[in-house]
Amino acid sequence: DVFSNSVHIDSENEITLATFTTKNRWPAVEKIFDAWDGPITIVIYSYDYNARLNRDGSGLAEFFRSVRTFAEERAHGRRIRILSYESKMEHVKPILDTVTNTYNAGAWKKPFIPFNALRNVVMDFSESRFVFPVDADFVPSEGLYQEFKMLLPEMRQGEKKALIVPHWELSKCFLNWTRAQKDGVLTYPKDFESLYKMLRVASVTPFHGSLGQFKFAKDMFTSGSEALGCNANGTLGNAGGVKLSNYPKW
């Protein structure tokens, strides 16, 4: 455990948000604390290949201290549990030079992240009967936890049930435009109304539907052009937004 407070939860009546992250993606997790009002369980995946390359791989202890401080300050009476899942250098393989068909012993790549293992670990360590598993770079919409709680009586009935939650992503146009601004602070759609407004200018798109993949979803947009460019304000040129007739599908 990196952090575990002593807050008791009612397993039958709680929903734990379960996610995993790495050191470099921790800032994305911090946004989840603001958006989700219920219990949170997090697994932090770390690997020591950086130490071999003389990079910043020795700062995990300091990083975990900052994580504990953050969790203590932002728990707000919720059950918070954060664990560390560590990988060793023997899992890292040398890079194969495809030209000479030989291994470059001096070049090392990052180990594959065991996504499914991490998802299993974080769900196993979640203490409530109901779990909301998300990737660390997804931010729940405002009030989603309360809406889930209202659905619990129905979820308890009959066989095991799963609720599928639609997910979206900020477009590359919008991301690049935001990073170029003075403050560089991302604006997330916090509710359905703000999501709809951002959809109309294609600042938000269906997951994995940004720029290069619009050609696979031309029927969703009023423009048939596959060569869509970015406008100066971060919206998508000629996109026309998502068709109303197609909107219920998402």
Protein backbone atom coordinates (compact mmCIF):
# COMPACT_ATOMS: atom_id res chain seq x y z
CA ASP A 1 0.00 0.00 0.00
CA VAL A 2 1.17 3.50 -0.90
CA PHE A 3 -1.85 4.98 0.87
CA SER A 4 -4.84 3.49 2.66
CA ASN A 5 -7.10 5.42 5.01
CA SER A 6 -9.32 3.86 7.64
CA VAL A 7 -12.68 4.92 6.21
CA HIS A 8 -15.22 2.07 6.38
CA ILE A 9 -17.59 1.55 3.47
CA ASP A 10 -20.86 -0.33 3.11
CA SER A 11 -19.90 -2.84 0.43
CA GLU A 12 -23.46 -3.45 -0.77
CA ASN A 13 -24.25 0.24 -1.22
CA GLU A 14 -21.04 1.68 -2.60
CA ILE A 15 -19.38 1.97 -6.01
CA THR A 16 -15.59 2.14 -6.16
CA LEU A 17 -13.86 3.82 -9.07
CA ALA A 18 -10.95 1.51 -9.94
CA THR A 19 -8.07 2.62 -12.12
CA PHE A 20 -4.34 2.15 -12.68
CA THR A 21 -1.69 4.60 -13.73
CA THR A 22 2.04 5.26 -14.01
CA LYS A 23 4.17 7.98 -12.49
CA ASN A 24 4.03 10.15 -15.59
CA ARG A 25 0.24 9.84 -15.86
CA TRP A 26 -0.54 10.64 -12.25
CA PRO A 27 -1.67 14.24 -13.05
CA ALA A 28 -4.58 12.75 -15.02
CA VAL A 29 -5.65 10.77 -11.94
CA GLU A 30 -5.77 13.94 -9.86
CA LYS A 31 -8.66 15.16 -12.03
CA ILE A 32 -10.62 12.03 -11.13
CA PHE A 33 -10.55 13.01 -7.45
CA ASP A 34 -12.46 16.18 -8.32
CA ALA A 35 -15.02 14.45 -10.54
CA TRP A 36 -15.81 11.29 -8.51
CA ASP A 37 -17.41 11.58 -5.06
CA GLY A 38 -17.18 7.93 -4.03
CA PRO A 39 -14.41 5.50 -2.99
CA ILE A 40 -11.34 5.24 -5.22
CA THR A 41 -8.81 2.42 -5.61
CA ILE A 42 -5.66 3.02 -7.69
CA VAL A 43 -2.72 0.83 -8.68
CA ILE A 44 0.47 2.67 -9.68
CA TYR A 45 2.60 0.65 -12.07
CA SER A 46 6.33 1.34 -11.80
CA TYR A 47 9.39 -0.10 -13.51
CA ASP A 48 13.10 0.47 -12.95
CA TYR A 49 14.37 0.54 -16.54
CA ASN A 50 14.98 4.28 -16.13
CA ALA A 51 17.71 3.61 -13.57
CA ARG A 52 19.66 1.62 -16.17
CA LEU A 53 19.48 4.55 -18.59
CA ASN A 54 20.52 7.03 -15.89
CA ARG A 55 17.19 8.78 -16.22
CA ASP A 56 14.71 9.84 -13.58
CA GLY A 57 13.98 6.39 -12.19
CA SER A 58 15.18 6.94 -8.63
CA GLY A 59 12.47 9.38 -7.58
CA LEU A 60 9.75 6.87 -6.78
CA ALA A 61 10.04 7.30 -2.99
CA GLU A 62 9.62 11.07 -3.31
CA PHE A 63 6.78 10.57 -5.80
CA PHE A 64 4.94 8.20 -3.45
CA ARG A 65 5.30 10.74 -0.62
CA SER A 66 3.64 13.37 -2.80
CA VAL A 67 0.88 10.89 -3.68
CA ARG A 68 0.22 10.20 0.01
CA THR A 69 0.07 13.91 0.78
CA PHE A 70 -2.34 14.48 -2.10
CA ALA A 71 -4.59 11.57 -1.07
CA GLU A 72 -4.73 12.72 2.55
CA GLU A 73 -5.72 16.23 1.51
CA ARG A 74 -8.30 15.12 -1.06
CA ALA A 75 -9.91 12.11 0.62
CA HIS A 76 -12.77 14.21 2.04
CA GLY A 77 -14.15 11.30 4.04
CA ARG A 78 -13.97 8.79 1.19
CA ARG A 79 -12.29 5.40 1.25
CA ILE A 80 -9.08 5.83 -0.75
CA ARG A 81 -6.61 3.02 -1.40
CA ILE A 82 -3.49 3.37 -3.56
CA LEU A 83 -1.14 0.46 -4.25
CA SER A 84 2.16 0.05 -6.07
CA TYR A 85 2.72 -2.70 -8.64
CA GLU A 86 6.42 -2.98 -9.49
CA SER A 87 8.17 -4.55 -12.48
CA LYS A 88 11.85 -5.49 -12.64
CA MET A 89 14.42 -5.14 -15.39
CA GLU A 90 14.29 -8.80 -16.41
CA HIS A 91 10.96 -8.06 -18.12
CA VAL A 92 12.60 -5.52 -20.42
CA LYS A 93 13.90 -6.81 -23.75
CA PRO A 94 16.62 -5.35 -25.99
CA ILE A 95 15.43 -3.73 -29.19
CA LEU A 96 15.67 -5.80 -32.37
CA ASP A 97 17.33 -3.96 -35.26
CA THR A 98 15.14 -5.05 -38.18
CA VAL A 99 17.77 -3.96 -40.74
CA THR A 100 20.64 -6.10 -39.45
CA ASN A 101 18.31 -8.61 -37.71
CA THR A 102 20.45 -8.35 -34.55
CA TYR A 103 19.68 -7.18 -31.06
CA ASN A 104 21.09 -3.85 -29.97
CA ALA A 105 22.33 -4.60 -26.46
CA GLY A 106 22.79 -0.90 -25.72
CA ALA A 107 19.23 0.09 -26.59
CA TRP A 108 16.42 -0.73 -24.20
CA LYS A 109 12.74 -0.11 -24.49
CA LYS A 110 10.04 0.21 -21.90
CA PRO A 111 8.47 -3.07 -20.76
CA PHE A 112 4.99 -3.84 -21.96
CA ILE A 113 2.50 -2.63 -19.38
CA PRO A 114 0.40 -5.63 -18.20
CA PHE A 115 -2.93 -3.86 -18.61
CA ASN A 116 -5.18 -6.83 -17.87
CA ALA A 117 -3.16 -7.85 -14.81
CA LEU A 118 -3.36 -4.30 -13.46
CA ARG A 119 -7.11 -4.16 -14.07
CA ASN A 120 -7.53 -7.44 -12.19
CA VAL A 121 -5.40 -6.23 -9.28
CA VAL A 122 -7.21 -2.93 -8.85
CA MET A 123 -10.62 -4.63 -8.99
CA ASP A 124 -9.54 -7.33 -6.53
CA PHE A 125 -8.48 -4.69 -4.03
CA SER A 126 -11.68 -2.65 -4.40
CA GLU A 127 -13.80 -3.35 -1.36
CA SER A 128 -17.30 -2.60 -2.63
CA ARG A 129 -19.53 -5.05 -4.46
CA PHE A 130 -19.91 -2.64 -7.37
CA VAL A 131 -16.89 -1.32 -9.24
CA PHE A 132 -16.52 1.32 -11.96
CA PRO A 133 -13.29 0.43 -13.84
CA VAL A 134 -11.83 3.25 -15.96
CA ASP A 135 -8.49 4.06 -17.52
CA ALA A 136 -6.58 6.81 -15.75
CA ASP A 137 -7.02 9.35 -18.54
CA PHE A 138 -10.83 9.23 -18.41
CA VAL A 139 -12.62 11.83 -16.27
CA PRO A 140 -16.15 10.97 -15.07
CA SER A 141 -18.85 13.50 -15.83
CA GLU A 142 -20.23 15.65 -13.02
CA GLY A 143 -22.75 13.78 -10.86
CA LEU A 144 -22.05 10.35 -12.39
CA TYR A 145 -21.39 8.76 -8.99
CA GLN A 146 -24.77 9.94 -7.66
CA GLU A 147 -26.51 8.67 -10.80
CA PHE A 148 -24.87 5.27 -10.37
CA LYS A 149 -26.05 5.12 -6.77
CA MET A 150 -29.64 5.60 -7.94
CA LEU A 151 -29.25 2.57 -10.22
CA LEU A 152 -28.01 0.20 -7.51
CA PRO A 153 -31.44 -1.28 -6.61
CA GLU A 154 -31.91 -2.32 -10.25
CA MET A 155 -28.34 -3.62 -10.54
CA ARG A 156 -28.87 -5.94 -7.56
CA GLN A 157 -31.79 -7.74 -9.20
CA GLY A 158 -31.36 -10.99 -11.12
CA GLU A 159 -28.11 -12.18 -12.65
CA LYS A 160 -24.89 -10.20 -12.68
CA LYS A 161 -25.32 -6.99 -14.64
CA ALA A 162 -22.93 -4.55 -16.27
CA LEU A 163 -23.67 -0.93 -17.13
CA ILE A 164 -21.87 0.33 -20.24
CA VAL A 165 -20.94 4.01 -20.02
CA PRO A 166 -20.35 5.96 -23.29
CA HIS A 167 -16.88 7.49 -23.47
CA TRP A 168 -15.50 10.39 -25.47
CA GLU A 169 -12.17 12.04 -26.13
CA LEU A 170 -10.96 15.59 -26.69
CA SER A 171 -10.02 16.06 -30.34
CA LYS A 172 -6.43 16.58 -31.43
CA CYS A 173 -7.39 20.02 -32.73
CA PHE A 174 -8.72 21.05 -29.32
CA LEU A 175 -5.78 19.53 -27.43
CA ASN A 176 -3.17 21.25 -29.59
CA TRP A 177 -5.01 24.57 -29.39
CA THR A 178 -5.27 24.33 -25.58
CA ARG A 179 -1.56 23.55 -25.17
CA ALA A 180 -0.74 26.67 -27.18
CA GLN A 181 -2.73 28.93 -24.84
CA LYS A 182 -1.12 30.92 -22.05
CA ASP A 183 -2.60 28.90 -19.15
CA GLY A 184 -2.75 25.59 -21.06
CA VAL A 185 -5.62 24.34 -18.83
CA LEU A 186 -7.86 21.74 -20.46
CA THR A 187 -11.61 22.24 -20.36
CA TYR A 188 -13.56 19.01 -19.91
CA PRO A 189 -17.29 18.68 -20.60
CA LYS A 190 -18.67 18.24 -17.10
CA ASP A 191 -22.28 17.53 -18.06
CA PHE A 192 -24.46 16.63 -21.04
CA GLU A 193 -25.07 20.26 -22.03
CA SER A 194 -21.37 21.14 -22.24
CA LEU A 195 -20.64 17.83 -24.01
CA TYR A 196 -23.26 18.64 -26.64
CA LYS A 197 -21.79 22.11 -27.27
CA MET A 198 -18.30 20.69 -27.74
CA LEU A 199 -19.66 17.94 -30.01
CA ARG A 200 -21.23 20.51 -32.32
CA VAL A 201 -17.79 21.93 -33.14
CA ALA A 202 -16.04 18.55 -32.89
CA SER A 203 -13.85 19.61 -29.95
CA VAL A 204 -15.05 16.32 -28.46
CA THR A 205 -15.40 13.18 -30.56
CA PRO A 206 -16.39 9.56 -29.96
CA PHE A 207 -13.49 7.65 -28.44
CA HIS A 208 -10.76 6.95 -31.02
CA GLY A 209 -12.66 9.06 -33.51
CA SER A 210 -10.35 12.09 -33.72
CA LEU A 211 -8.82 13.46 -36.91
CA GLY A 212 -7.15 10.50 -38.61
CA GLN A 213 -10.10 8.20 -37.95
CA PHE A 214 -12.94 10.41 -39.14
CA LYS A 215 -12.80 8.61 -42.49
CA PHE A 216 -14.19 5.54 -40.68
CA ALA A 217 -17.15 7.51 -39.35
CA LYS A 218 -18.12 9.84 -42.19
CA ASP A 219 -21.80 9.12 -41.65
CA MET A 220 -21.57 10.83 -38.25
CA PHE A 221 -20.69 14.22 -39.70
CA THR A 222 -22.48 16.61 -42.02
CA SER A 223 -19.27 17.02 -44.01
CA GLY A 224 -18.09 14.17 -46.24
CA SER A 225 -14.52 15.45 -46.42
CA GLU A 226 -11.79 13.15 -45.17
CA ALA A 227 -9.19 15.94 -45.23
CA LEU A 228 -10.38 17.87 -42.20
CA GLY A 229 -8.14 20.65 -40.88
CA CYS A 230 -8.03 22.46 -37.55
CA ASN A 231 -9.49 25.94 -37.12
CA ALA A 232 -7.63 28.65 -35.22
CA ASN A 233 -9.86 28.22 -32.13
CA GLY A 234 -9.25 24.48 -31.81
CA THR A 235 -12.44 23.35 -33.52
CA LEU A 236 -12.42 21.00 -36.47
CA GLY A 237 -12.61 22.59 -39.91
CA ASN A 238 -15.73 21.74 -41.95
CA ALA A 239 -16.80 19.05 -39.50
CA GLY A 240 -20.29 20.38 -38.98
CA GLY A 241 -20.57 18.47 -35.73
CA VAL A 242 -22.32 15.18 -35.05
CA LYS A 243 -25.57 14.55 -36.88
CA LEU A 244 -28.61 14.69 -34.64
CA SER A 245 -29.98 11.55 -36.30
CA ASN A 246 -26.87 9.64 -35.26
CA TYR A 247 -26.48 11.21 -31.83
CA PRO A 248 -28.55 8.63 -29.82
CA LYS A 249 -26.11 5.91 -30.87
CA TRP A 250 -23.44 7.54 -28.73
